[in-house]
Amino acid sequence: MNKFDLKFLKENDESDWVHLIDENIRHKPPSEWSQEEKIFYSIMFWHSCMSAGFSEYYKFCDNSISMNKIEESLKIIEADEYFKVIQQANSINKNIINIPEEERENDELMEPYYDKLRDLENKFYDLQEEIPLKDILFKYVKKNIEQFVEI
């Protein structure tokens, strides 16, 4: 299935749309994704990685979706508070990457960086309670529904 039809989505509860669209996108090769689907996927990727925190996110992010793409996607879907968190975390991560590998073994040197990342991680989790990222993504999907379904 390349795209859902609107009737299919309307037969399902709107709260399931994000999950259904995510499943549909994952069955297509990335080369066939629309711009909106790329944005959607990068947000879902970040959201799932963040369940394990920033350290896991950065491990996977280097091999998959770029940090800049996630920042850009958060801006596009108007997830401003999330954008601020990821922008700060990405800045800290860039500083960490610039520290020579052998110096990163020094816990005393690294602790301030990790403390800041933990603070931002907590901010992310607080945001999830206040304004779930999936709710923001759902608004984006509704606003751009024709990009996700056959009408």
C-alpha atoms as a PDB file:
ATOM      1  CA  MET A   1       0.000   0.000   0.000  1.00  0.00           C
ATOM      2  CA  ASN A   2       1.525   3.303  -1.045  1.00  0.00           C
ATOM      3  CA  LYS A   3      -0.893   5.600   0.767  1.00  0.00           C
ATOM      4  CA  PHE A   4      -3.990   5.069   2.861  1.00  0.00           C
ATOM      5  CA  ASP A   5      -7.249   6.360   1.587  1.00  0.00           C
ATOM      6  CA  LEU A   6      -9.067   8.867   3.736  1.00  0.00           C
ATOM      7  CA  LYS A   7     -11.980   6.462   4.228  1.00  0.00           C
ATOM      8  CA  PHE A   8      -9.628   3.955   5.886  1.00  0.00           C
ATOM      9  CA  LEU A   9      -8.375   6.545   8.339  1.00  0.00           C
ATOM     10  CA  LYS A  10     -11.881   7.801   9.085  1.00  0.00           C
ATOM     11  CA  GLU A  11     -12.919   4.235   9.953  1.00  0.00           C
ATOM     12  CA  ASN A  12     -10.223   4.241  12.650  1.00  0.00           C
ATOM     13  CA  ASP A  13     -10.038   6.350  15.752  1.00  0.00           C
ATOM     14  CA  GLU A  14      -8.051   9.534  15.152  1.00  0.00           C
ATOM     15  CA  SER A  15      -5.822   8.671  18.112  1.00  0.00           C
ATOM     16  CA  ASP A  16      -4.569   5.702  16.041  1.00  0.00           C
ATOM     17  CA  TRP A  17      -3.686   7.751  12.960  1.00  0.00           C
ATOM     18  CA  VAL A  18      -0.087   8.450  13.984  1.00  0.00           C
ATOM     19  CA  HIS A  19       0.516   4.746  14.590  1.00  0.00           C
ATOM     20  CA  LEU A  20      -1.209   3.690  11.356  1.00  0.00           C
ATOM     21  CA  ILE A  21       0.676   6.219   9.240  1.00  0.00           C
ATOM     22  CA  ASP A  22       3.946   5.210  10.905  1.00  0.00           C
ATOM     23  CA  GLU A  23       3.312   1.564   9.988  1.00  0.00           C
ATOM     24  CA  ASN A  24       2.418   2.504   6.428  1.00  0.00           C
ATOM     25  CA  ILE A  25       5.550   4.602   5.942  1.00  0.00           C
ATOM     26  CA  ARG A  26       7.791   1.838   7.266  1.00  0.00           C
ATOM     27  CA  HIS A  27       6.512  -0.503   4.524  1.00  0.00           C
ATOM     28  CA  LYS A  28       7.749   1.822   1.790  1.00  0.00           C
ATOM     29  CA  PRO A  29      11.362   2.294   0.737  1.00  0.00           C
ATOM     30  CA  PRO A  30      12.693   5.673   1.989  1.00  0.00           C
ATOM     31  CA  SER A  31      13.304   6.727  -1.610  1.00  0.00           C
ATOM     32  CA  GLU A  32       9.506   6.777  -2.098  1.00  0.00           C
ATOM     33  CA  TRP A  33       8.712   8.892   0.966  1.00  0.00           C
ATOM     34  CA  SER A  34       7.203  12.319   0.453  1.00  0.00           C
ATOM     35  CA  GLN A  35       8.741  15.283   2.268  1.00  0.00           C
ATOM     36  CA  GLU A  36       5.945  15.104   4.854  1.00  0.00           C
ATOM     37  CA  GLU A  37       6.578  11.395   5.386  1.00  0.00           C
ATOM     38  CA  LYS A  38      10.292  12.074   5.922  1.00  0.00           C
ATOM     39  CA  ILE A  39       9.428  14.697   8.528  1.00  0.00           C
ATOM     40  CA  PHE A  40       6.945  12.337  10.168  1.00  0.00           C
ATOM     41  CA  TYR A  41       9.450   9.478  10.249  1.00  0.00           C
ATOM     42  CA  SER A  42      12.284  11.560  11.695  1.00  0.00           C
ATOM     43  CA  ILE A  43      10.000  12.699  14.536  1.00  0.00           C
ATOM     44  CA  MET A  44       8.848   9.130  15.236  1.00  0.00           C
ATOM     45  CA  PHE A  45      12.456   7.925  15.150  1.00  0.00           C
ATOM     46  CA  TRP A  46      13.548  10.570  17.636  1.00  0.00           C
ATOM     47  CA  HIS A  47      10.553   9.889  19.861  1.00  0.00           C
ATOM     48  CA  SER A  48      11.285   6.156  20.010  1.00  0.00           C
ATOM     49  CA  CYS A  49      15.015   6.663  20.638  1.00  0.00           C
ATOM     50  CA  MET A  50      14.259   9.096  23.440  1.00  0.00           C
ATOM     51  CA  SER A  51      12.499   6.356  25.381  1.00  0.00           C
ATOM     52  CA  ALA A  52      16.057   5.277  26.266  1.00  0.00           C
ATOM     53  CA  GLY A  53      17.357   8.833  26.729  1.00  0.00           C
ATOM     54  CA  PHE A  54      19.804  11.079  24.939  1.00  0.00           C
ATOM     55  CA  SER A  55      22.781   8.730  25.231  1.00  0.00           C
ATOM     56  CA  GLU A  56      20.954   6.037  23.224  1.00  0.00           C
ATOM     57  CA  TYR A  57      19.567   8.633  20.846  1.00  0.00           C
ATOM     58  CA  TYR A  58      23.069   9.835  19.972  1.00  0.00           C
ATOM     59  CA  LYS A  59      24.348   6.282  19.495  1.00  0.00           C
ATOM     60  CA  PHE A  60      21.632   5.540  16.932  1.00  0.00           C
ATOM     61  CA  CYS A  61      21.401   9.012  15.438  1.00  0.00           C
ATOM     62  CA  ASP A  62      24.926   8.937  14.045  1.00  0.00           C
ATOM     63  CA  ASN A  63      24.000   5.871  12.011  1.00  0.00           C
ATOM     64  CA  SER A  64      20.560   6.893  10.870  1.00  0.00           C
ATOM     65  CA  ILE A  65      18.727  10.203  10.792  1.00  0.00           C
ATOM     66  CA  SER A  66      20.870  13.289  11.226  1.00  0.00           C
ATOM     67  CA  MET A  67      20.410  15.519  14.235  1.00  0.00           C
ATOM     68  CA  ASN A  68      19.862  18.482  11.911  1.00  0.00           C
ATOM     69  CA  LYS A  69      16.999  16.685  10.139  1.00  0.00           C
ATOM     70  CA  ILE A  70      15.252  16.120  13.459  1.00  0.00           C
ATOM     71  CA  GLU A  71      15.708  19.784  14.434  1.00  0.00           C
ATOM     72  CA  GLU A  72      14.344  20.873  11.053  1.00  0.00           C
ATOM     73  CA  SER A  73      11.382  18.494  11.364  1.00  0.00           C
ATOM     74  CA  LEU A  74      10.499  19.745  14.843  1.00  0.00           C
ATOM     75  CA  LYS A  75      10.455  23.317  13.515  1.00  0.00           C
ATOM     76  CA  ILE A  76       8.210  22.347  10.618  1.00  0.00           C
ATOM     77  CA  ILE A  77       5.611  20.636  12.815  1.00  0.00           C
ATOM     78  CA  GLU A  78       5.792  23.625  15.212  1.00  0.00           C
ATOM     79  CA  ALA A  79       7.033  21.620  18.192  1.00  0.00           C
ATOM     80  CA  ASP A  80       8.870  24.684  19.486  1.00  0.00           C
ATOM     81  CA  GLU A  81       9.540  23.518  23.041  1.00  0.00           C
ATOM     82  CA  TYR A  82      10.885  20.185  21.800  1.00  0.00           C
ATOM     83  CA  PHE A  83      12.985  22.031  19.239  1.00  0.00           C
ATOM     84  CA  LYS A  84      14.640  24.081  22.005  1.00  0.00           C
ATOM     85  CA  VAL A  85      15.458  20.929  23.974  1.00  0.00           C
ATOM     86  CA  ILE A  86      16.955  19.039  21.021  1.00  0.00           C
ATOM     87  CA  GLN A  87      18.865  22.093  19.833  1.00  0.00           C
ATOM     88  CA  GLN A  88      20.528  22.468  23.244  1.00  0.00           C
ATOM     89  CA  ALA A  89      21.206  18.732  23.501  1.00  0.00           C
ATOM     90  CA  ASN A  90      22.704  18.641  20.004  1.00  0.00           C
ATOM     91  CA  SER A  91      24.986  21.534  20.915  1.00  0.00           C
ATOM     92  CA  ILE A  92      26.206  19.674  24.009  1.00  0.00           C
ATOM     93  CA  ASN A  93      26.696  16.494  21.985  1.00  0.00           C
ATOM     94  CA  LYS A  94      28.779  18.391  19.403  1.00  0.00           C
ATOM     95  CA  ASN A  95      30.991  19.632  22.259  1.00  0.00           C
ATOM     96  CA  ILE A  96      31.371  16.070  23.530  1.00  0.00           C
ATOM     97  CA  ILE A  97      32.315  14.812  20.064  1.00  0.00           C
ATOM     98  CA  ASN A  98      35.063  17.454  19.887  1.00  0.00           C
ATOM     99  CA  ILE A  99      36.675  16.165  23.088  1.00  0.00           C
ATOM    100  CA  PRO A 100      39.469  13.703  22.275  1.00  0.00           C
ATOM    101  CA  GLU A 101      38.426  10.086  22.861  1.00  0.00           C
ATOM    102  CA  GLU A 102      40.954   9.464  25.655  1.00  0.00           C
ATOM    103  CA  GLU A 103      39.771  12.567  27.548  1.00  0.00           C
ATOM    104  CA  ARG A 104      36.168  11.354  27.412  1.00  0.00           C
ATOM    105  CA  GLU A 105      37.200   8.575  29.793  1.00  0.00           C
ATOM    106  CA  ASN A 106      37.713  11.218  32.509  1.00  0.00           C
ATOM    107  CA  ASP A 107      34.452  11.190  34.499  1.00  0.00           C
ATOM    108  CA  GLU A 108      35.272  14.474  36.216  1.00  0.00           C
ATOM    109  CA  LEU A 109      35.714  16.226  32.881  1.00  0.00           C
ATOM    110  CA  MET A 110      32.594  14.684  31.348  1.00  0.00           C
ATOM    111  CA  GLU A 111      30.202  14.977  34.300  1.00  0.00           C
ATOM    112  CA  PRO A 112      29.097  18.586  33.554  1.00  0.00           C
ATOM    113  CA  TYR A 113      28.170  17.584  29.998  1.00  0.00           C
ATOM    114  CA  TYR A 114      26.249  14.530  31.138  1.00  0.00           C
ATOM    115  CA  ASP A 115      24.509  16.540  33.864  1.00  0.00           C
ATOM    116  CA  LYS A 116      23.281  19.018  31.246  1.00  0.00           C
ATOM    117  CA  LEU A 117      22.072  16.188  29.011  1.00  0.00           C
ATOM    118  CA  ARG A 118      20.233  14.606  31.959  1.00  0.00           C
ATOM    119  CA  ASP A 119      18.572  17.951  32.711  1.00  0.00           C
ATOM    120  CA  LEU A 120      17.458  18.237  29.090  1.00  0.00           C
ATOM    121  CA  GLU A 121      16.279  14.635  29.129  1.00  0.00           C
ATOM    122  CA  ASN A 122      14.119  15.441  32.169  1.00  0.00           C
ATOM    123  CA  LYS A 123      12.806  18.494  30.344  1.00  0.00           C
ATOM    124  CA  PHE A 124      11.878  16.229  27.408  1.00  0.00           C
ATOM    125  CA  TYR A 125       9.975  13.875  29.732  1.00  0.00           C
ATOM    126  CA  ASP A 126       8.198  16.818  31.393  1.00  0.00           C
ATOM    127  CA  LEU A 127       7.178  18.092  27.962  1.00  0.00           C
ATOM    128  CA  GLN A 128       5.858  14.629  27.103  1.00  0.00           C
ATOM    129  CA  GLU A 129       3.544  14.908  30.109  1.00  0.00           C
ATOM    130  CA  GLU A 130       2.429  18.467  29.275  1.00  0.00           C
ATOM    131  CA  ILE A 131       2.212  18.319  25.476  1.00  0.00           C
ATOM    132  CA  PRO A 132       2.832  14.826  24.083  1.00  0.00           C
ATOM    133  CA  LEU A 133       4.915  14.933  20.912  1.00  0.00           C
ATOM    134  CA  LYS A 134       2.457  12.567  19.240  1.00  0.00           C
ATOM    135  CA  ASP A 135      -0.309  15.156  19.776  1.00  0.00           C
ATOM    136  CA  ILE A 136       1.753  17.787  17.963  1.00  0.00           C
ATOM    137  CA  LEU A 137       2.527  15.296  15.219  1.00  0.00           C
ATOM    138  CA  PHE A 138      -1.169  14.436  14.946  1.00  0.00           C
ATOM    139  CA  LYS A 139      -2.027  18.129  14.399  1.00  0.00           C
ATOM    140  CA  TYR A 140       0.580  18.220  11.647  1.00  0.00           C
ATOM    141  CA  VAL A 141      -0.905  15.099  10.045  1.00  0.00           C
ATOM    142  CA  LYS A 142      -4.439  16.534  10.147  1.00  0.00           C
ATOM    143  CA  LYS A 143      -3.236  19.804   8.643  1.00  0.00           C
ATOM    144  CA  ASN A 144      -1.405  17.944   5.849  1.00  0.00           C
ATOM    145  CA  ILE A 145      -3.631  14.877   5.555  1.00  0.00           C
ATOM    146  CA  GLU A 146      -3.604  14.920   1.749  1.00  0.00           C
ATOM    147  CA  GLN A 147       0.134  14.178   1.876  1.00  0.00           C
ATOM    148  CA  PHE A 148      -0.481  10.968   3.808  1.00  0.00           C
ATOM    149  CA  VAL A 149      -3.597   9.578   2.119  1.00  0.00           C
ATOM    150  CA  GLU A 150      -5.198   9.156  -1.271  1.00  0.00           C
ATOM    151  CA  ILE A 151      -8.181  11.502  -1.425  1.00  0.00           C
END
